[in-house]
Amino acid sequence: MDKASLSRLFSKQLSKLRLSPIRKVAAMLDEAASKQDIISFGGGAPSLLPPKELIETFIEDLESNPADYFKYTSTRGALAFREKIAQDVKEYSGVDYDPAKEIIVTEGSTEGIFLVLASLLEEGDEIILTDPTYLGYSEIISMFKAKEVRIKQLKEHGYQPSLEELEEKINSKTKAILINTPENPTGRILSSDVARGIVEIAKDKGIFVIVDEAYKHIVYEKENTYLQKIDKENVISVCSFSKEASSPGFRLGYVCANEEVITNLEKIKQFVTLCSNMVGQKVLMNYLASEIKRRYLKEVVIPTYRARRDFMLKMIRKYLPDSNVSTPEGGFYVFLDLRPWLGNKFENDEDVMFDLFKRKKLVIIPGSYFGKMGKGSFRLTFVSEDLDRIEEGIRRLVDYLETDAV
C-alpha cells in the first residue's frame, strides 16, 4: 500500500499530534545508559531503588500467593489499594476522600491527565496552562481540538503565576486551569496565597483546577501546597508513584476528585486500559501510609536528592558565577538560563541540545519544550548522576559555553 493510501486510512486528527519532544532525547538517554562517557542531566527518572522492604516482601508474597498478582481488578483499581491511597492522602494533605467513590487508579499520572482532559474537553474549548510548564499536556489538548491559553511565570516572581492574568484569560470557553506543584521544570511550589487565589477564581468562574502532583513528596525546605485543602469539589488531583516510590516501571498513579469526575474517568478508562496492573497495586499497598514510606522519604529520597541538588547548584555558581540560578523548592530539576552565554549563534535551543551532546557528550533539555517563556533556559536533572559526574557535567557545559558556543 502506498503512502497516500495509508494516509487516507488514518484519522485526520493524527496530523495535529506530534511525538513528545522528549522522545527526541530518548535515543541520547538510551545511549547515556550504556556509555560511561555520556553524562545525562536529561531524564526525569528516579535513580534510587524502591525501599528494600518492599522488594523483599514482594518476593516472599509472590512465591506464597502468586494468584493474587495475576488477576484483573475493577476499573477503578483494587478497593483495598484505594483505601490505602485515601489513608495516605489524608495523612499528608489532611483531605478526606471516599475510596469507593472519589479515587481511581491510573497508569501513572500520564493516563490520569489524559483521562481528565478527555472527560472535559471538546472542540473549541479552552484550558489554561502556565508558561513554562510540563510539556506533556499540549498534545493531549490538541488531540481533543481544544486550545491551550498560557499565563506567564517569571523567574523574578519565583515562577508564581499571575492571578490577574489568570482572571483576564478565563472566558465562556474555559474549562479548567492545569497546573503542577512542585513544578516540572522550574521546581517551584505554589505559594499558599497564589494557590488560594487560583482556586477561588476557578470556583467563582465555574471551572476546574487540575493539579498535577507527581512530585508532591519531592520537597526540600518546605511542604507542598495542597490545593484540594482549599476546595475539594473544584480541584482534581492527579498523582503518581513513579517519583516518590522510585517505581516508574509499575506505571501507577491515581486521581482524587469528586464522585462525578471519577465516574466519568472510569467510563473512559474501561476502554483505554480496562484496569491498572495488579502487581504494582499489591506491592505499593505495603508502602502507602506506612513507616516504610515515612522512613524512605525522610532517610533516603529527600537527603539523597537534596544533596545532589545543592551540589549541582554549588557547581553552577562556582563555574558560572553570573548565572543567578534559582534554587528549586521541589522536584528533580534546575532550570538554568543560558542566554547570556549563547547569544545569537543558535536559531533555537534544541540546536544547542544536539550540539552540546555531539561535542561534549552531555544531555540537557531545552526550555522551549516547556513553553515560549522557557526559551533560552535549560532543564538539568540532578537526581540521575552522582556528585562526581554532576561536577564533570557542569564542567563540560561551561567548557562548551566558553569555547564551542561562542
Foldseek 3Di string as FASTA:
>chain_A
DDPVVVVVPDDPLVVLFDDQPCVVCVVLVVVVVVDVLFAEQADQAFADAFFPVLVVVLVVVCVVPVVLQPDDDFAQDNLLLLVLVQVQCCVAPVDGFDSVFFKGKFLFLLLVLLLLCVLFDAAAAEEEEEPQADLSNVRSCSSRNYYYDYFYQDVVVVRATDLVVVLVPDDPRYAEYEEEPCTPPAQAAHDQVSLLSRQVSCVVSVHAYEYEYAWQLFFAPDHHDDSCVNPQARYKYKYGPCQLRSCSVQSIIMIGHGRVSVVSSSVVSCVVPNHGGSSVSVSCSQVGPDPSSVCCSVPPRRVLQVVLQVLLVVLCCVLVVPFPWDRRRGGFKTKTAQCVLQPPPDPFCVVVQVVLCVPRSYHWAQLCSRPPVRTRIIIGGRRNDDNVSSNVNSVSVSVCSVPVRD
